[in-house]
Amino acid sequence: MSHFIKHRLLLAEQMDDLHEKCELLRKYMIENHFEQSLLSSICDWGQRAIIKIQEIAENTLNDLHEKMEKVKSQAEISINKIISEFELNSKTDDYKEIEHVRWSKEILELRGKDIPRWDFFDFFHVFMYLFRYSGIVL
């Protein structure tokens, strides 16, 4: 048998194999396996993303709660100090304008420092940071 004939037989065998693969792919697509597989993959990805986001949100809430407790504790200490100074001075009726100014300033500083004032962009940046480092892939 000549080289040409051997080559043609091998090529015919490869073409038959390719034709069989195309038929299997067509059958797979016609029977909606392709669509179901794709939809199932998207659904699975969505569930994993939701779980990951829920975990991140829970961790963020826990972290925020811890930080807020620290802030509240520090603010309470500062407020208690101001109140005790105020009460001590009120017992002796020893008010001075400079103390009033100082206490007012301290209270204003506490309000500005300890009460978070976040707007939409603050939340957006935090969300994007968490999303970026969460491992969720779009």
N, C-alpha and C. Protein backbone atom coordinates (compact mmCIF):
# COMPACT_ATOMS: atom_id res chain seq x y z
N MET A 1 0.85 -1.17 0.00
CA MET A 1 0.00 0.00 0.00
C MET A 1 0.90 1.24 0.00
N SER A 2 0.54 2.18 -0.84
CA SER A 2 1.38 3.35 -1.01
C SER A 2 1.17 4.35 0.13
N HIS A 3 2.12 5.24 0.25
CA HIS A 3 2.06 6.28 1.28
C HIS A 3 0.81 7.14 1.11
N PHE A 4 0.48 7.47 -0.12
CA PHE A 4 -0.69 8.31 -0.40
C PHE A 4 -1.97 7.65 0.10
N ILE A 5 -2.12 6.36 -0.15
CA ILE A 5 -3.33 5.63 0.26
C ILE A 5 -3.40 5.54 1.79
N LYS A 6 -2.26 5.27 2.44
CA LYS A 6 -2.24 5.24 3.90
C LYS A 6 -2.65 6.58 4.48
N HIS A 7 -2.13 7.62 3.90
CA HIS A 7 -2.45 8.98 4.36
C HIS A 7 -3.95 9.26 4.17
N ARG A 8 -4.51 8.87 3.04
CA ARG A 8 -5.94 9.09 2.78
C ARG A 8 -6.80 8.31 3.76
N LEU A 9 -6.40 7.07 4.08
CA LEU A 9 -7.16 6.26 5.05
C LEU A 9 -7.13 6.89 6.44
N LEU A 10 -5.96 7.37 6.83
CA LEU A 10 -5.82 8.03 8.14
C LEU A 10 -6.66 9.29 8.18
N LEU A 11 -6.62 10.07 7.10
CA LEU A 11 -7.40 11.30 7.03
C LEU A 11 -8.90 11.00 7.07
N ALA A 12 -9.33 9.96 6.40
CA ALA A 12 -10.75 9.56 6.40
C ALA A 12 -11.17 9.15 7.82
N GLU A 13 -10.31 8.46 8.51
CA GLU A 13 -10.59 8.05 9.90
C GLU A 13 -10.71 9.28 10.80
N GLN A 14 -9.81 10.25 10.64
CA GLN A 14 -9.86 11.48 11.43
C GLN A 14 -11.11 12.29 11.10
N MET A 15 -11.52 12.30 9.84
CA MET A 15 -12.73 13.02 9.44
C MET A 15 -13.97 12.36 10.04
N ASP A 16 -14.00 11.03 10.06
CA ASP A 16 -15.12 10.31 10.69
C ASP A 16 -15.20 10.65 12.17
N ASP A 17 -14.06 10.70 12.83
CA ASP A 17 -14.00 11.04 14.26
C ASP A 17 -14.50 12.47 14.49
N LEU A 18 -14.07 13.38 13.63
CA LEU A 18 -14.51 14.78 13.73
C LEU A 18 -16.01 14.89 13.50
N HIS A 19 -16.52 14.17 12.52
CA HIS A 19 -17.96 14.18 12.23
C HIS A 19 -18.75 13.66 13.44
N GLU A 20 -18.26 12.62 14.07
CA GLU A 20 -18.92 12.06 15.25
C GLU A 20 -18.94 13.08 16.40
N LYS A 21 -17.85 13.79 16.60
CA LYS A 21 -17.79 14.82 17.64
C LYS A 21 -18.78 15.94 17.34
N CYS A 22 -18.89 16.35 16.10
CA CYS A 22 -19.84 17.40 15.72
C CYS A 22 -21.27 16.94 15.98
N GLU A 23 -21.57 15.69 15.64
CA GLU A 23 -22.92 15.15 15.88
C GLU A 23 -23.24 15.11 17.37
N LEU A 24 -22.27 14.72 18.19
CA LEU A 24 -22.49 14.70 19.65
C LEU A 24 -22.72 16.11 20.18
N LEU A 25 -21.96 17.08 19.69
CA LEU A 25 -22.14 18.47 20.11
C LEU A 25 -23.51 18.99 19.70
N ARG A 26 -23.92 18.69 18.47
CA ARG A 26 -25.23 19.12 18.00
C ARG A 26 -26.33 18.49 18.85
N LYS A 27 -26.22 17.23 19.14
CA LYS A 27 -27.22 16.53 19.96
C LYS A 27 -27.26 17.16 21.36
N TYR A 28 -26.09 17.44 21.90
CA TYR A 28 -25.98 18.05 23.23
C TYR A 28 -26.69 19.41 23.25
N MET A 29 -26.47 20.21 22.21
CA MET A 29 -27.08 21.53 22.15
C MET A 29 -28.58 21.44 21.90
N ILE A 30 -28.98 20.54 21.05
CA ILE A 30 -30.41 20.38 20.75
C ILE A 30 -31.18 19.95 21.99
N GLU A 31 -30.61 19.10 22.79
CA GLU A 31 -31.29 18.59 23.99
C GLU A 31 -31.19 19.56 25.17
N ASN A 32 -30.72 20.77 24.93
CA ASN A 32 -30.62 21.83 25.94
C ASN A 32 -29.63 21.53 27.05
N HIS A 33 -28.80 20.53 26.87
CA HIS A 33 -27.78 20.29 27.89
C HIS A 33 -26.83 21.47 28.00
N PHE A 34 -26.52 22.06 26.85
CA PHE A 34 -25.62 23.20 26.83
C PHE A 34 -26.21 24.36 27.61
N GLU A 35 -27.46 24.68 27.31
CA GLU A 35 -28.14 25.79 27.99
C GLU A 35 -28.29 25.50 29.48
N GLN A 36 -28.70 24.29 29.81
CA GLN A 36 -28.86 23.92 31.22
C GLN A 36 -27.54 23.99 31.97
N SER A 37 -26.49 23.52 31.32
CA SER A 37 -25.17 23.55 31.94
C SER A 37 -24.74 24.99 32.21
N LEU A 38 -24.94 25.85 31.22
CA LEU A 38 -24.57 27.26 31.37
C LEU A 38 -25.41 27.92 32.46
N LEU A 39 -26.72 27.69 32.44
CA LEU A 39 -27.60 28.28 33.45
C LEU A 39 -27.26 27.76 34.84
N SER A 40 -26.97 26.49 34.92
CA SER A 40 -26.60 25.90 36.22
C SER A 40 -25.30 26.51 36.75
N SER A 41 -24.33 26.70 35.84
CA SER A 41 -23.07 27.31 36.25
C SER A 41 -23.27 28.73 36.76
N ILE A 42 -24.11 29.50 36.06
CA ILE A 42 -24.40 30.87 36.48
C ILE A 42 -25.12 30.88 37.82
N CYS A 43 -26.06 29.97 37.99
CA CYS A 43 -26.79 29.87 39.26
C CYS A 43 -25.84 29.53 40.41
N ASP A 44 -24.96 28.56 40.18
CA ASP A 44 -23.98 28.19 41.21
C ASP A 44 -23.07 29.36 41.55
N TRP A 45 -22.61 30.06 40.51
CA TRP A 45 -21.76 31.23 40.74
C TRP A 45 -22.50 32.27 41.57
N GLY A 46 -23.78 32.50 41.22
CA GLY A 46 -24.58 33.48 41.96
C GLY A 46 -24.72 33.10 43.43
N GLN A 47 -24.96 31.83 43.71
CA GLN A 47 -25.09 31.39 45.09
C GLN A 47 -23.78 31.56 45.85
N ARG A 48 -22.67 31.21 45.21
CA ARG A 48 -21.37 31.39 45.86
C ARG A 48 -21.09 32.86 46.14
N ALA A 49 -21.44 33.72 45.17
CA ALA A 49 -21.23 35.17 45.34
C ALA A 49 -22.09 35.70 46.49
N ILE A 50 -23.33 35.26 46.56
CA ILE A 50 -24.23 35.71 47.64
C ILE A 50 -23.68 35.28 48.99
N ILE A 51 -23.25 34.04 49.10
CA ILE A 51 -22.70 33.55 50.37
C ILE A 51 -21.46 34.35 50.75
N LYS A 52 -20.59 34.62 49.78
CA LYS A 52 -19.37 35.37 50.04
C LYS A 52 -19.70 36.80 50.49
N ILE A 53 -20.67 37.43 49.82
CA ILE A 53 -21.07 38.79 50.20
C ILE A 53 -21.68 38.79 51.59
N GLN A 54 -22.48 37.78 51.91
CA GLN A 54 -23.07 37.70 53.24
C GLN A 54 -21.98 37.53 54.31
N GLU A 55 -20.97 36.71 54.01
CA GLU A 55 -19.85 36.54 54.96
C GLU A 55 -19.11 37.86 55.15
N ILE A 56 -18.85 38.56 54.06
CA ILE A 56 -18.14 39.84 54.14
C ILE A 56 -18.97 40.84 54.92
N ALA A 57 -20.28 40.89 54.65
CA ALA A 57 -21.15 41.83 55.36
C ALA A 57 -21.17 41.50 56.85
N GLU A 58 -21.26 40.23 57.19
CA GLU A 58 -21.28 39.85 58.61
C GLU A 58 -19.97 40.23 59.30
N ASN A 59 -18.85 39.95 58.64
CA ASN A 59 -17.55 40.32 59.21
C ASN A 59 -17.42 41.83 59.35
N THR A 60 -17.89 42.56 58.35
CA THR A 60 -17.83 44.02 58.39
C THR A 60 -18.69 44.56 59.52
N LEU A 61 -19.90 44.00 59.68
CA LEU A 61 -20.77 44.43 60.77
C LEU A 61 -20.12 44.16 62.13
N ASN A 62 -19.51 42.99 62.27
CA ASN A 62 -18.83 42.66 63.53
C ASN A 62 -17.68 43.63 63.80
N ASP A 63 -16.87 43.90 62.77
CA ASP A 63 -15.76 44.85 62.93
C ASP A 63 -16.28 46.23 63.28
N LEU A 64 -17.32 46.67 62.58
CA LEU A 64 -17.89 47.98 62.84
C LEU A 64 -18.46 48.05 64.25
N HIS A 65 -19.13 46.99 64.67
CA HIS A 65 -19.69 46.95 66.02
C HIS A 65 -18.58 47.09 67.07
N GLU A 66 -17.48 46.36 66.88
CA GLU A 66 -16.35 46.45 67.81
C GLU A 66 -15.78 47.88 67.84
N LYS A 67 -15.61 48.47 66.68
CA LYS A 67 -15.06 49.83 66.62
C LYS A 67 -16.02 50.83 67.25
N MET A 68 -17.32 50.66 66.99
CA MET A 68 -18.30 51.57 67.58
C MET A 68 -18.33 51.43 69.10
N GLU A 69 -18.17 50.23 69.60
CA GLU A 69 -18.13 50.03 71.05
C GLU A 69 -16.93 50.76 71.65
N LYS A 70 -15.79 50.69 70.98
CA LYS A 70 -14.59 51.41 71.46
C LYS A 70 -14.83 52.92 71.45
N VAL A 71 -15.43 53.40 70.35
CA VAL A 71 -15.72 54.84 70.23
C VAL A 71 -16.69 55.26 71.34
N LYS A 72 -17.74 54.46 71.54
CA LYS A 72 -18.71 54.78 72.59
C LYS A 72 -18.04 54.80 73.96
N SER A 73 -17.17 53.84 74.20
CA SER A 73 -16.48 53.76 75.48
C SER A 73 -15.59 54.99 75.69
N GLN A 74 -14.84 55.35 74.67
CA GLN A 74 -13.97 56.52 74.77
C GLN A 74 -14.80 57.80 74.95
N ALA A 75 -15.89 57.90 74.22
CA ALA A 75 -16.75 59.08 74.35
C ALA A 75 -17.37 59.14 75.74
N GLU A 76 -17.77 57.98 76.24
CA GLU A 76 -18.38 57.95 77.58
C GLU A 76 -17.39 58.41 78.65
N ILE A 77 -16.13 57.98 78.51
CA ILE A 77 -15.10 58.42 79.46
C ILE A 77 -14.93 59.94 79.39
N SER A 78 -14.86 60.46 78.17
CA SER A 78 -14.69 61.92 78.01
C SER A 78 -15.89 62.68 78.55
N ILE A 79 -17.10 62.20 78.24
CA ILE A 79 -18.31 62.87 78.71
C ILE A 79 -18.41 62.81 80.23
N ASN A 80 -18.09 61.65 80.80
CA ASN A 80 -18.12 61.52 82.26
C ASN A 80 -17.13 62.48 82.92
N LYS A 81 -15.98 62.68 82.29
CA LYS A 81 -14.99 63.61 82.83
C LYS A 81 -15.55 65.04 82.82
N ILE A 82 -16.17 65.41 81.70
CA ILE A 82 -16.76 66.75 81.60
C ILE A 82 -17.86 66.93 82.64
N ILE A 83 -18.72 65.93 82.76
CA ILE A 83 -19.84 66.01 83.71
C ILE A 83 -19.33 66.11 85.14
N SER A 84 -18.31 65.30 85.49
CA SER A 84 -17.80 65.36 86.87
C SER A 84 -17.15 66.72 87.16
N GLU A 85 -16.44 67.27 86.17
CA GLU A 85 -15.87 68.61 86.36
C GLU A 85 -16.99 69.64 86.51
N PHE A 86 -18.00 69.51 85.68
CA PHE A 86 -19.13 70.42 85.75
C PHE A 86 -19.82 70.34 87.11
N GLU A 87 -20.08 69.10 87.57
CA GLU A 87 -20.75 68.92 88.86
C GLU A 87 -19.90 69.45 90.03
N LEU A 88 -18.61 69.22 89.95
CA LEU A 88 -17.71 69.71 90.99
C LEU A 88 -17.76 71.24 91.05
N ASN A 89 -17.72 71.88 89.89
CA ASN A 89 -17.76 73.34 89.86
C ASN A 89 -19.14 73.87 90.23
N SER A 90 -20.19 73.11 89.93
CA SER A 90 -21.52 73.60 90.26
C SER A 90 -21.77 73.53 91.77
N LYS A 91 -21.16 72.58 92.45
CA LYS A 91 -21.31 72.48 93.91
C LYS A 91 -20.69 73.70 94.60
N THR A 92 -19.59 74.11 94.06
CA THR A 92 -18.88 75.24 94.68
C THR A 92 -19.30 76.57 94.08
N ASP A 93 -20.19 76.50 93.08
CA ASP A 93 -20.65 77.69 92.39
C ASP A 93 -19.47 78.51 91.88
N ASP A 94 -18.51 77.76 91.35
CA ASP A 94 -17.25 78.37 90.89
C ASP A 94 -17.14 78.26 89.37
N TYR A 95 -18.13 78.83 88.69
CA TYR A 95 -18.10 78.79 87.23
C TYR A 95 -17.24 79.92 86.69
N LYS A 96 -16.52 79.56 85.67
CA LYS A 96 -15.74 80.57 84.96
C LYS A 96 -16.07 80.43 83.48
N GLU A 97 -16.01 81.53 82.81
CA GLU A 97 -16.34 81.51 81.39
C GLU A 97 -15.39 80.62 80.61
N ILE A 98 -14.15 80.59 81.01
CA ILE A 98 -13.16 79.78 80.30
C ILE A 98 -13.50 78.29 80.37
N GLU A 99 -14.08 77.85 81.52
CA GLU A 99 -14.48 76.44 81.63
C GLU A 99 -15.67 76.15 80.74
N HIS A 100 -16.62 77.10 80.70
CA HIS A 100 -17.77 76.93 79.82
C HIS A 100 -17.32 76.79 78.38
N VAL A 101 -16.39 77.64 77.96
CA VAL A 101 -15.88 77.61 76.60
C VAL A 101 -15.16 76.28 76.34
N ARG A 102 -14.33 75.86 77.32
CA ARG A 102 -13.58 74.60 77.17
C ARG A 102 -14.52 73.41 77.07
N TRP A 103 -15.52 73.33 77.96
CA TRP A 103 -16.46 72.20 77.94
C TRP A 103 -17.27 72.19 76.65
N SER A 104 -17.69 73.36 76.22
CA SER A 104 -18.45 73.44 74.96
C SER A 104 -17.60 72.95 73.79
N LYS A 105 -16.34 73.37 73.80
CA LYS A 105 -15.43 72.96 72.73
C LYS A 105 -15.20 71.45 72.77
N GLU A 106 -15.00 70.90 73.97
CA GLU A 106 -14.78 69.46 74.11
C GLU A 106 -16.00 68.66 73.64
N ILE A 107 -17.19 69.14 73.98
CA ILE A 107 -18.40 68.44 73.55
C ILE A 107 -18.55 68.51 72.03
N LEU A 108 -18.28 69.67 71.45
CA LEU A 108 -18.34 69.78 69.99
C LEU A 108 -17.32 68.88 69.31
N GLU A 109 -16.12 68.81 69.87
CA GLU A 109 -15.10 67.92 69.31
C GLU A 109 -15.53 66.46 69.41
N LEU A 110 -16.11 66.09 70.55
CA LEU A 110 -16.59 64.72 70.70
C LEU A 110 -17.66 64.40 69.66
N ARG A 111 -18.59 65.30 69.47
CA ARG A 111 -19.66 65.06 68.49
C ARG A 111 -19.09 64.91 67.09
N GLY A 112 -18.14 65.77 66.75
CA GLY A 112 -17.56 65.72 65.41
C GLY A 112 -16.67 64.52 65.19
N LYS A 113 -15.99 64.08 66.23
CA LYS A 113 -15.03 62.99 66.09
C LYS A 113 -15.70 61.63 66.27
N ASP A 114 -16.60 61.52 67.19
CA ASP A 114 -17.11 60.22 67.58
C ASP A 114 -18.39 59.80 66.90
N ILE A 115 -19.07 60.72 66.25
CA ILE A 115 -20.30 60.35 65.56
C ILE A 115 -19.99 60.32 64.07
N PRO A 116 -19.92 59.11 63.50
CA PRO A 116 -19.55 59.02 62.09
C PRO A 116 -20.60 59.68 61.20
N ARG A 117 -20.13 60.37 60.19
CA ARG A 117 -21.02 61.00 59.22
C ARG A 117 -20.60 60.50 57.84
N TRP A 118 -21.17 59.40 57.44
CA TRP A 118 -20.82 58.81 56.15
C TRP A 118 -21.86 59.19 55.12
N ASP A 119 -21.39 59.42 53.92
CA ASP A 119 -22.33 59.65 52.83
C ASP A 119 -22.25 58.47 51.86
N PHE A 120 -22.97 58.58 50.78
CA PHE A 120 -23.05 57.49 49.80
C PHE A 120 -21.67 57.06 49.32
N PHE A 121 -20.78 58.02 49.05
CA PHE A 121 -19.48 57.70 48.50
C PHE A 121 -18.61 56.95 49.50
N ASP A 122 -18.74 57.24 50.78
CA ASP A 122 -18.00 56.48 51.79
C ASP A 122 -18.42 55.01 51.75
N PHE A 123 -19.74 54.77 51.73
CA PHE A 123 -20.23 53.40 51.67
C PHE A 123 -19.81 52.72 50.37
N PHE A 124 -19.87 53.47 49.26
CA PHE A 124 -19.49 52.92 47.97
C PHE A 124 -18.03 52.49 47.97
N HIS A 125 -17.13 53.33 48.51
CA HIS A 125 -15.70 52.99 48.54
C HIS A 125 -15.45 51.77 49.43
N VAL A 126 -16.12 51.70 50.56
CA VAL A 126 -15.96 50.54 51.44
C VAL A 126 -16.45 49.29 50.72
N PHE A 127 -17.62 49.38 50.07
CA PHE A 127 -18.16 48.24 49.35
C PHE A 127 -17.19 47.77 48.26
N MET A 128 -16.67 48.72 47.48
CA MET A 128 -15.76 48.35 46.39
C MET A 128 -14.49 47.73 46.94
N TYR A 129 -13.98 48.24 48.04
CA TYR A 129 -12.79 47.66 48.68
C TYR A 129 -13.08 46.21 49.08
N LEU A 130 -14.20 46.01 49.76
CA LEU A 130 -14.55 44.66 50.21
C LEU A 130 -14.77 43.74 49.03
N PHE A 131 -15.44 44.22 48.00
CA PHE A 131 -15.72 43.41 46.83
C PHE A 131 -14.43 43.03 46.13
N ARG A 132 -13.52 43.99 45.99
CA ARG A 132 -12.26 43.76 45.28
C ARG A 132 -11.42 42.70 45.98
N TYR A 133 -11.40 42.72 47.31
CA TYR A 133 -10.54 41.80 48.04
C TYR A 133 -11.28 40.57 48.57
N SER A 134 -12.52 40.37 48.12
CA SER A 134 -13.30 39.24 48.60
C SER A 134 -13.04 37.98 47.80
N GLY A 135 -12.49 38.12 46.61
CA GLY A 135 -12.27 36.96 45.77
C GLY A 135 -13.43 36.64 44.86
N ILE A 136 -14.46 37.48 44.85
CA ILE A 136 -15.60 37.25 43.96
C ILE A 136 -15.20 37.67 42.56
N VAL A 137 -15.44 36.79 41.61
CA VAL A 137 -15.06 37.05 40.22
C VAL A 137 -16.33 37.22 39.41
N LEU A 138 -16.38 38.31 38.65
CA LEU A 138 -17.53 38.53 37.76
C LEU A 138 -17.29 37.87 36.43
